[in-house]
Amino acid sequence: VNRRRLYNMFTTRRLSKTKLKTQLKLAVHRFEISANKKNAISKQQTREIAVMLAEDKPKEEKAMIRVEGLIREQNAVEAYEILQLSCELLASRVNLIGATKECPPDMISSIATLIWAADRVDITELSTVKKQFVEKYGKKFELDALKNNGKILNERVLAKLSFEPPTAYVVQCYMERICEQYEVDWKPKNPVPPDEIKMSESDVPPVGYSMQYVVTGTTDIDSEANYSKGGSGNDGYGGLPTVVAQPISSSTCSSTTWD
């Protein structure tokens, strides 16, 4: 009997509901603070880029490097917004998580995405959240999340936290947008040829609420969440919707009018 109890003690997956809920709520607050800091820095960087391009001899190459950094920061902000909402959702459903042995199907994507993102964001609480979920669901669940087996991760977060650099086309579009907002008369010295434009969902420029926030200080955030499986902006597992504004098409990228 004692051996059986000892075996159960070391093999039963344990989860502290109190600890998990606390860390999820702290992560929500931390995501908000970090996103606000990144947005403030990005707004300053945007002004500096506009100044570079407004000079008699525009510092185009230097501005391009700055824009690449700006895009990375804004991609992170968009990912933070989704992860923050995921933490809020899971914090409200901790009792259900603790009461069920297997991961509820409608939480698979949200939980797996938090596990995957834990080592890619500067939110320390997320590491504790990750450990709690791994304790609950085991190493195989963690491995599936880290390798995105079964395509369970939120595609938007996966794209926004990717290490892949933005394409030249996206960088050019950001620069044109910034110049328009600051009324800078600038045109690219070497425009990206139409046949070299390589688009993907992860880098339709500028996408999401973040670019609008950088240049205007306002956002267009969907007021209602769509939780239907497979819906637009959905993670495919009944998870959280992404927050996006109207993407810019290739035909309007080089135009002086942006909707």
C-alpha atoms as a PDB file:
ATOM      1  CA  VAL A   1       0.000   0.000   0.000  1.00  0.00           C
ATOM      2  CA  ASN A   2       2.790   2.395   0.940  1.00  0.00           C
ATOM      3  CA  ARG A   3       4.571   1.661  -2.310  1.00  0.00           C
ATOM      4  CA  ARG A   4       1.391   2.366  -4.251  1.00  0.00           C
ATOM      5  CA  ARG A   5       0.946   5.724  -2.492  1.00  0.00           C
ATOM      6  CA  LEU A   6       4.572   6.596  -3.099  1.00  0.00           C
ATOM      7  CA  TYR A   7       4.196   5.683  -6.768  1.00  0.00           C
ATOM      8  CA  ASN A   8       1.097   7.862  -7.120  1.00  0.00           C
ATOM      9  CA  MET A   9       2.828  10.734  -5.370  1.00  0.00           C
ATOM     10  CA  PHE A  10       5.559  10.885  -8.005  1.00  0.00           C
ATOM     11  CA  THR A  11       3.540   9.967 -11.071  1.00  0.00           C
ATOM     12  CA  THR A  12       0.277  11.862 -10.651  1.00  0.00           C
ATOM     13  CA  ARG A  13       0.285  15.145 -12.507  1.00  0.00           C
ATOM     14  CA  ARG A  14      -0.268  17.955 -10.057  1.00  0.00           C
ATOM     15  CA  LEU A  15      -1.479  21.454 -10.763  1.00  0.00           C
ATOM     16  CA  SER A  16      -1.864  24.297  -8.304  1.00  0.00           C
ATOM     17  CA  LYS A  17      -5.024  26.116  -9.365  1.00  0.00           C
ATOM     18  CA  THR A  18      -4.257  29.045  -7.084  1.00  0.00           C
ATOM     19  CA  LYS A  19      -0.719  29.436  -8.410  1.00  0.00           C
ATOM     20  CA  LEU A  20      -1.830  29.074 -12.027  1.00  0.00           C
ATOM     21  CA  LYS A  21      -4.611  31.646 -11.705  1.00  0.00           C
ATOM     22  CA  THR A  22      -2.333  34.117  -9.934  1.00  0.00           C
ATOM     23  CA  GLN A  23       0.401  33.813 -12.545  1.00  0.00           C
ATOM     24  CA  LEU A  24      -2.082  34.135 -15.414  1.00  0.00           C
ATOM     25  CA  LYS A  25      -3.484  37.355 -13.937  1.00  0.00           C
ATOM     26  CA  LEU A  26       0.005  38.717 -13.355  1.00  0.00           C
ATOM     27  CA  ALA A  27       0.894  37.853 -16.948  1.00  0.00           C
ATOM     28  CA  VAL A  28      -2.134  39.823 -18.180  1.00  0.00           C
ATOM     29  CA  HIS A  29      -0.883  42.894 -16.334  1.00  0.00           C
ATOM     30  CA  ARG A  30       2.699  42.355 -17.502  1.00  0.00           C
ATOM     31  CA  PHE A  31       1.646  41.981 -21.137  1.00  0.00           C
ATOM     32  CA  GLU A  32      -0.218  45.275 -20.945  1.00  0.00           C
ATOM     33  CA  ILE A  33       2.729  47.129 -19.428  1.00  0.00           C
ATOM     34  CA  SER A  34       5.209  45.664 -21.906  1.00  0.00           C
ATOM     35  CA  ALA A  35       2.966  46.417 -24.889  1.00  0.00           C
ATOM     36  CA  ASN A  36       2.530  50.033 -23.763  1.00  0.00           C
ATOM     37  CA  LYS A  37       6.296  50.443 -23.450  1.00  0.00           C
ATOM     38  CA  LYS A  38       6.894  48.950 -26.871  1.00  0.00           C
ATOM     39  CA  ASN A  39       4.263  51.228 -28.415  1.00  0.00           C
ATOM     40  CA  ALA A  40       5.787  54.320 -26.815  1.00  0.00           C
ATOM     41  CA  ILE A  41       9.240  53.377 -28.125  1.00  0.00           C
ATOM     42  CA  SER A  42       7.808  52.593 -31.557  1.00  0.00           C
ATOM     43  CA  LYS A  43       6.140  55.995 -31.819  1.00  0.00           C
ATOM     44  CA  GLN A  44       9.479  57.663 -31.089  1.00  0.00           C
ATOM     45  CA  GLN A  45      11.243  55.446 -33.632  1.00  0.00           C
ATOM     46  CA  THR A  46       8.609  56.329 -36.221  1.00  0.00           C
ATOM     47  CA  ARG A  47       9.280  60.051 -35.803  1.00  0.00           C
ATOM     48  CA  GLU A  48      13.020  59.433 -36.112  1.00  0.00           C
ATOM     49  CA  ILE A  49      12.489  57.458 -39.334  1.00  0.00           C
ATOM     50  CA  ALA A  50      10.410  60.303 -40.754  1.00  0.00           C
ATOM     51  CA  VAL A  51      13.224  62.765 -39.966  1.00  0.00           C
ATOM     52  CA  MET A  52      15.776  60.539 -41.715  1.00  0.00           C
ATOM     53  CA  LEU A  53      13.662  60.425 -44.866  1.00  0.00           C
ATOM     54  CA  ALA A  54      12.870  64.132 -44.767  1.00  0.00           C
ATOM     55  CA  GLU A  55      16.511  65.209 -45.163  1.00  0.00           C
ATOM     56  CA  ASP A  56      17.796  66.642 -48.442  1.00  0.00           C
ATOM     57  CA  LYS A  57      19.734  63.428 -48.867  1.00  0.00           C
ATOM     58  CA  PRO A  58      17.435  60.841 -47.242  1.00  0.00           C
ATOM     59  CA  LYS A  59      19.187  58.271 -45.084  1.00  0.00           C
ATOM     60  CA  GLU A  60      17.265  55.487 -46.755  1.00  0.00           C
ATOM     61  CA  GLU A  61      19.431  52.520 -45.781  1.00  0.00           C
ATOM     62  CA  LYS A  62      19.574  53.566 -42.151  1.00  0.00           C
ATOM     63  CA  ALA A  63      15.811  54.143 -42.143  1.00  0.00           C
ATOM     64  CA  MET A  64      15.245  50.661 -43.568  1.00  0.00           C
ATOM     65  CA  ILE A  65      17.183  49.103 -40.693  1.00  0.00           C
ATOM     66  CA  ARG A  66      15.129  51.121 -38.213  1.00  0.00           C
ATOM     67  CA  VAL A  67      11.907  50.062 -39.907  1.00  0.00           C
ATOM     68  CA  GLU A  68      12.849  46.389 -39.666  1.00  0.00           C
ATOM     69  CA  GLY A  69      13.250  46.848 -35.907  1.00  0.00           C
ATOM     70  CA  LEU A  70       9.976  48.746 -35.757  1.00  0.00           C
ATOM     71  CA  ILE A  71       8.147  45.919 -37.533  1.00  0.00           C
ATOM     72  CA  ARG A  72       9.564  43.348 -35.127  1.00  0.00           C
ATOM     73  CA  GLU A  73       8.404  45.399 -32.153  1.00  0.00           C
ATOM     74  CA  GLN A  74       4.938  45.913 -33.570  1.00  0.00           C
ATOM     75  CA  ASN A  75       4.613  42.237 -34.436  1.00  0.00           C
ATOM     76  CA  ALA A  76       5.441  41.494 -30.807  1.00  0.00           C
ATOM     77  CA  VAL A  77       2.771  43.942 -29.624  1.00  0.00           C
ATOM     78  CA  GLU A  78       0.132  42.226 -31.753  1.00  0.00           C
ATOM     79  CA  ALA A  79       1.183  38.824 -30.414  1.00  0.00           C
ATOM     80  CA  TYR A  80       1.085  40.199 -26.856  1.00  0.00           C
ATOM     81  CA  GLU A  81      -2.493  41.343 -27.373  1.00  0.00           C
ATOM     82  CA  ILE A  82      -3.585  37.823 -28.331  1.00  0.00           C
ATOM     83  CA  LEU A  83      -1.567  36.166 -25.555  1.00  0.00           C
ATOM     84  CA  GLN A  84      -2.980  38.597 -23.013  1.00  0.00           C
ATOM     85  CA  LEU A  85      -6.524  37.671 -24.014  1.00  0.00           C
ATOM     86  CA  SER A  86      -5.599  33.990 -23.810  1.00  0.00           C
ATOM     87  CA  CYS A  87      -4.352  34.458 -20.251  1.00  0.00           C
ATOM     88  CA  GLU A  88      -7.567  36.252 -19.292  1.00  0.00           C
ATOM     89  CA  LEU A  89      -9.662  33.439 -20.750  1.00  0.00           C
ATOM     90  CA  LEU A  90      -7.695  30.673 -19.060  1.00  0.00           C
ATOM     91  CA  ALA A  91      -7.654  32.485 -15.706  1.00  0.00           C
ATOM     92  CA  SER A  92     -11.448  32.462 -15.749  1.00  0.00           C
ATOM     93  CA  ARG A  93     -11.515  28.732 -16.482  1.00  0.00           C
ATOM     94  CA  VAL A  94      -8.908  27.449 -14.035  1.00  0.00           C
ATOM     95  CA  ASN A  95     -11.492  25.417 -12.102  1.00  0.00           C
ATOM     96  CA  LEU A  96     -12.463  23.544 -15.263  1.00  0.00           C
ATOM     97  CA  ILE A  97      -8.801  22.957 -16.122  1.00  0.00           C
ATOM     98  CA  GLY A  98      -8.185  21.534 -12.661  1.00  0.00           C
ATOM     99  CA  ALA A  99     -11.281  19.329 -12.733  1.00  0.00           C
ATOM    100  CA  THR A 100     -10.586  17.608 -16.054  1.00  0.00           C
ATOM    101  CA  LYS A 101      -7.836  15.079 -16.693  1.00  0.00           C
ATOM    102  CA  GLU A 102      -7.342  15.894 -20.363  1.00  0.00           C
ATOM    103  CA  CYS A 103      -7.072  19.347 -21.892  1.00  0.00           C
ATOM    104  CA  PRO A 104     -10.526  20.641 -22.940  1.00  0.00           C
ATOM    105  CA  PRO A 105     -10.653  20.737 -26.767  1.00  0.00           C
ATOM    106  CA  ASP A 106     -11.580  24.432 -26.860  1.00  0.00           C
ATOM    107  CA  MET A 107      -8.496  25.316 -24.790  1.00  0.00           C
ATOM    108  CA  ILE A 108      -5.888  23.248 -26.631  1.00  0.00           C
ATOM    109  CA  SER A 109      -4.765  26.042 -28.922  1.00  0.00           C
ATOM    110  CA  SER A 110      -4.659  28.737 -26.235  1.00  0.00           C
ATOM    111  CA  ILE A 111      -2.703  26.585 -23.773  1.00  0.00           C
ATOM    112  CA  ALA A 112      -0.333  25.200 -26.412  1.00  0.00           C
ATOM    113  CA  THR A 113       0.349  28.706 -27.731  1.00  0.00           C
ATOM    114  CA  LEU A 114       1.233  29.990 -24.249  1.00  0.00           C
ATOM    115  CA  ILE A 115       3.633  27.071 -23.779  1.00  0.00           C
ATOM    116  CA  TRP A 116       5.262  27.755 -27.155  1.00  0.00           C
ATOM    117  CA  ALA A 117       5.502  31.507 -26.566  1.00  0.00           C
ATOM    118  CA  ALA A 118       6.887  31.308 -23.027  1.00  0.00           C
ATOM    119  CA  ASP A 119      10.515  31.295 -24.194  1.00  0.00           C
ATOM    120  CA  ARG A 120       9.918  33.918 -26.901  1.00  0.00           C
ATOM    121  CA  VAL A 121       8.500  36.805 -24.875  1.00  0.00           C
ATOM    122  CA  ASP A 122       9.846  38.898 -22.004  1.00  0.00           C
ATOM    123  CA  ILE A 123       7.041  37.919 -19.618  1.00  0.00           C
ATOM    124  CA  THR A 124       8.555  35.976 -16.714  1.00  0.00           C
ATOM    125  CA  GLU A 125       5.188  34.841 -15.357  1.00  0.00           C
ATOM    126  CA  LEU A 126       4.572  32.900 -18.553  1.00  0.00           C
ATOM    127  CA  SER A 127       7.424  30.533 -17.691  1.00  0.00           C
ATOM    128  CA  THR A 128       5.633  29.569 -14.484  1.00  0.00           C
ATOM    129  CA  VAL A 129       2.368  29.181 -16.385  1.00  0.00           C
ATOM    130  CA  LYS A 130       4.148  26.901 -18.842  1.00  0.00           C
ATOM    131  CA  LYS A 131       5.519  24.713 -16.032  1.00  0.00           C
ATOM    132  CA  GLN A 132       2.064  24.403 -14.498  1.00  0.00           C
ATOM    133  CA  PHE A 133       0.507  23.270 -17.763  1.00  0.00           C
ATOM    134  CA  VAL A 134       3.336  20.820 -18.422  1.00  0.00           C
ATOM    135  CA  GLU A 135       2.808  19.415 -14.917  1.00  0.00           C
ATOM    136  CA  LYS A 136      -0.866  19.003 -15.741  1.00  0.00           C
ATOM    137  CA  TYR A 137      -0.748  17.629 -19.283  1.00  0.00           C
ATOM    138  CA  GLY A 138       2.700  16.052 -19.496  1.00  0.00           C
ATOM    139  CA  LYS A 139       5.784  16.229 -21.687  1.00  0.00           C
ATOM    140  CA  LYS A 140       4.074  14.959 -24.806  1.00  0.00           C
ATOM    141  CA  PHE A 141       1.644  17.880 -24.747  1.00  0.00           C
ATOM    142  CA  GLU A 142       4.617  20.233 -24.318  1.00  0.00           C
ATOM    143  CA  LEU A 143       6.455  18.639 -27.238  1.00  0.00           C
ATOM    144  CA  ASP A 144       3.377  18.893 -29.454  1.00  0.00           C
ATOM    145  CA  ALA A 145       3.125  22.583 -28.570  1.00  0.00           C
ATOM    146  CA  LEU A 146       6.804  23.337 -29.169  1.00  0.00           C
ATOM    147  CA  LYS A 147       6.775  21.541 -32.531  1.00  0.00           C
ATOM    148  CA  ASN A 148       3.260  22.658 -33.461  1.00  0.00           C
ATOM    149  CA  ASN A 149       2.224  19.069 -34.095  1.00  0.00           C
ATOM    150  CA  GLY A 150      -1.273  18.945 -35.491  1.00  0.00           C
ATOM    151  CA  LYS A 151      -1.129  22.681 -36.235  1.00  0.00           C
ATOM    152  CA  ILE A 152      -2.517  23.455 -32.779  1.00  0.00           C
ATOM    153  CA  LEU A 153      -0.836  26.830 -32.310  1.00  0.00           C
ATOM    154  CA  ASN A 154      -2.510  30.166 -32.939  1.00  0.00           C
ATOM    155  CA  GLU A 155      -1.289  30.954 -36.441  1.00  0.00           C
ATOM    156  CA  ARG A 156      -1.252  34.700 -35.851  1.00  0.00           C
ATOM    157  CA  VAL A 157       1.001  34.439 -32.796  1.00  0.00           C
ATOM    158  CA  LEU A 158       3.215  31.944 -34.625  1.00  0.00           C
ATOM    159  CA  ALA A 159       3.663  34.398 -37.496  1.00  0.00           C
ATOM    160  CA  LYS A 160       4.142  37.506 -35.368  1.00  0.00           C
ATOM    161  CA  LEU A 161       6.797  35.949 -33.129  1.00  0.00           C
ATOM    162  CA  SER A 162       8.656  34.398 -36.053  1.00  0.00           C
ATOM    163  CA  PHE A 163      12.363  35.168 -36.396  1.00  0.00           C
ATOM    164  CA  GLU A 164      11.992  35.557 -40.153  1.00  0.00           C
ATOM    165  CA  PRO A 165      12.886  39.123 -41.221  1.00  0.00           C
ATOM    166  CA  PRO A 166      10.273  41.237 -43.035  1.00  0.00           C
ATOM    167  CA  THR A 167      10.425  41.327 -46.813  1.00  0.00           C
ATOM    168  CA  ALA A 168      11.742  44.367 -48.677  1.00  0.00           C
ATOM    169  CA  TYR A 169       8.206  45.008 -49.880  1.00  0.00           C
ATOM    170  CA  VAL A 170       6.845  45.219 -46.335  1.00  0.00           C
ATOM    171  CA  VAL A 171       9.666  47.530 -45.250  1.00  0.00           C
ATOM    172  CA  GLN A 172       9.003  49.802 -48.220  1.00  0.00           C
ATOM    173  CA  CYS A 173       5.291  49.942 -47.413  1.00  0.00           C
ATOM    174  CA  TYR A 174       5.966  50.910 -43.799  1.00  0.00           C
ATOM    175  CA  MET A 175       8.304  53.665 -44.920  1.00  0.00           C
ATOM    176  CA  GLU A 176       5.697  55.008 -47.352  1.00  0.00           C
ATOM    177  CA  ARG A 177       3.045  54.936 -44.648  1.00  0.00           C
ATOM    178  CA  ILE A 178       5.256  56.799 -42.200  1.00  0.00           C
ATOM    179  CA  CYS A 179       6.100  59.445 -44.795  1.00  0.00           C
ATOM    180  CA  GLU A 180       2.436  59.947 -45.585  1.00  0.00           C
ATOM    181  CA  GLN A 181       1.502  60.397 -41.940  1.00  0.00           C
ATOM    182  CA  TYR A 182       4.308  62.900 -41.333  1.00  0.00           C
ATOM    183  CA  GLU A 183       3.830  64.613 -44.712  1.00  0.00           C
ATOM    184  CA  VAL A 184       7.332  63.781 -45.896  1.00  0.00           C
ATOM    185  CA  ASP A 185       7.931  63.972 -49.641  1.00  0.00           C
ATOM    186  CA  TRP A 186       9.873  60.759 -50.190  1.00  0.00           C
ATOM    187  CA  LYS A 187       9.927  58.028 -52.786  1.00  0.00           C
ATOM    188  CA  PRO A 188      12.066  54.869 -52.638  1.00  0.00           C
ATOM    189  CA  LYS A 189      15.315  55.145 -54.550  1.00  0.00           C
ATOM    190  CA  ASN A 190      15.040  51.521 -55.635  1.00  0.00           C
ATOM    191  CA  PRO A 191      11.362  50.490 -55.496  1.00  0.00           C
ATOM    192  CA  VAL A 192      10.618  46.798 -55.110  1.00  0.00           C
ATOM    193  CA  PRO A 193       9.659  45.485 -58.590  1.00  0.00           C
ATOM    194  CA  PRO A 194       6.150  43.982 -58.792  1.00  0.00           C
ATOM    195  CA  ASP A 195       7.536  40.605 -59.861  1.00  0.00           C
ATOM    196  CA  GLU A 196       9.667  40.454 -56.700  1.00  0.00           C
ATOM    197  CA  ILE A 197       6.836  41.141 -54.298  1.00  0.00           C
ATOM    198  CA  LYS A 198       6.507  38.147 -52.038  1.00  0.00           C
ATOM    199  CA  MET A 199       3.479  38.229 -49.834  1.00  0.00           C
ATOM    200  CA  SER A 200       2.320  35.998 -47.044  1.00  0.00           C
ATOM    201  CA  GLU A 201      -0.259  36.324 -44.288  1.00  0.00           C
ATOM    202  CA  SER A 202       2.457  37.079 -41.764  1.00  0.00           C
ATOM    203  CA  ASP A 203       3.676  40.202 -43.553  1.00  0.00           C
ATOM    204  CA  VAL A 204       0.772  41.940 -45.248  1.00  0.00           C
ATOM    205  CA  PRO A 205       1.735  45.559 -44.504  1.00  0.00           C
ATOM    206  CA  PRO A 206       0.863  47.179 -42.222  1.00  0.00           C
ATOM    207  CA  VAL A 207      -1.417  44.672 -40.540  1.00  0.00           C
ATOM    208  CA  GLY A 208      -3.155  44.752 -37.194  1.00  0.00           C
ATOM    209  CA  TYR A 209      -3.961  47.644 -34.923  1.00  0.00           C
ATOM    210  CA  SER A 210      -0.350  48.375 -34.024  1.00  0.00           C
ATOM    211  CA  MET A 211       0.795  50.327 -37.073  1.00  0.00           C
ATOM    212  CA  GLN A 212      -2.214  52.608 -36.813  1.00  0.00           C
ATOM    213  CA  TYR A 213      -1.417  53.136 -33.139  1.00  0.00           C
ATOM    214  CA  VAL A 214       2.164  54.070 -33.919  1.00  0.00           C
ATOM    215  CA  VAL A 215       1.272  56.818 -36.364  1.00  0.00           C
ATOM    216  CA  THR A 216      -2.049  58.090 -34.988  1.00  0.00           C
ATOM    217  CA  GLY A 217      -2.284  56.963 -31.383  1.00  0.00           C
ATOM    218  CA  THR A 218      -5.618  55.235 -32.018  1.00  0.00           C
ATOM    219  CA  THR A 219      -6.688  51.674 -32.662  1.00  0.00           C
ATOM    220  CA  ASP A 220      -9.477  49.821 -34.414  1.00  0.00           C
ATOM    221  CA  ILE A 221     -10.138  46.829 -32.194  1.00  0.00           C
ATOM    222  CA  ASP A 222     -12.981  44.433 -32.870  1.00  0.00           C
ATOM    223  CA  SER A 223     -15.624  44.889 -30.201  1.00  0.00           C
ATOM    224  CA  GLU A 224     -16.932  41.362 -30.402  1.00  0.00           C
ATOM    225  CA  ALA A 225     -15.027  38.095 -30.157  1.00  0.00           C
ATOM    226  CA  ASN A 226     -15.644  35.310 -32.628  1.00  0.00           C
ATOM    227  CA  TYR A 227     -15.249  31.944 -30.957  1.00  0.00           C
ATOM    228  CA  SER A 228     -16.638  29.742 -33.723  1.00  0.00           C
ATOM    229  CA  LYS A 229     -14.194  27.051 -34.823  1.00  0.00           C
ATOM    230  CA  GLY A 230     -12.429  27.881 -38.029  1.00  0.00           C
ATOM    231  CA  GLY A 231     -13.791  31.425 -38.173  1.00  0.00           C
ATOM    232  CA  SER A 232     -11.876  34.371 -39.534  1.00  0.00           C
ATOM    233  CA  GLY A 233      -9.060  35.386 -37.221  1.00  0.00           C
ATOM    234  CA  ASN A 234      -9.644  32.272 -35.126  1.00  0.00           C
ATOM    235  CA  ASP A 235      -7.097  29.826 -33.852  1.00  0.00           C
ATOM    236  CA  GLY A 236      -9.100  26.881 -35.184  1.00  0.00           C
ATOM    237  CA  TYR A 237      -9.823  25.448 -31.741  1.00  0.00           C
ATOM    238  CA  GLY A 238     -12.536  27.782 -30.575  1.00  0.00           C
ATOM    239  CA  GLY A 239      -9.858  30.017 -29.121  1.00  0.00           C
ATOM    240  CA  LEU A 240      -9.419  33.737 -29.204  1.00  0.00           C
ATOM    241  CA  PRO A 241      -9.833  35.985 -32.235  1.00  0.00           C
ATOM    242  CA  THR A 242      -6.997  38.060 -33.541  1.00  0.00           C
ATOM    243  CA  VAL A 243      -7.265  41.821 -33.713  1.00  0.00           C
ATOM    244  CA  VAL A 244      -6.567  43.146 -37.170  1.00  0.00           C
ATOM    245  CA  ALA A 245      -7.327  46.179 -39.257  1.00  0.00           C
ATOM    246  CA  GLN A 246      -7.758  46.314 -43.023  1.00  0.00           C
ATOM    247  CA  PRO A 247      -4.639  44.916 -44.756  1.00  0.00           C
ATOM    248  CA  ILE A 248      -2.955  46.898 -47.494  1.00  0.00           C
ATOM    249  CA  SER A 249      -3.029  45.332 -50.941  1.00  0.00           C
ATOM    250  CA  SER A 250      -0.088  45.361 -53.319  1.00  0.00           C
ATOM    251  CA  SER A 251      -1.931  47.741 -55.631  1.00  0.00           C
ATOM    252  CA  THR A 252      -2.236  50.385 -52.918  1.00  0.00           C
ATOM    253  CA  CYS A 253       1.151  49.920 -51.310  1.00  0.00           C
ATOM    254  CA  SER A 254       2.940  52.409 -53.530  1.00  0.00           C
ATOM    255  CA  SER A 255       0.000  54.786 -53.624  1.00  0.00           C
ATOM    256  CA  THR A 256      -0.122  57.981 -51.623  1.00  0.00           C
ATOM    257  CA  THR A 257      -3.608  57.126 -50.322  1.00  0.00           C
ATOM    258  CA  TRP A 258      -3.960  54.495 -47.626  1.00  0.00           C
ATOM    259  CA  ASP A 259      -7.397  53.449 -46.426  1.00  0.00           C
END
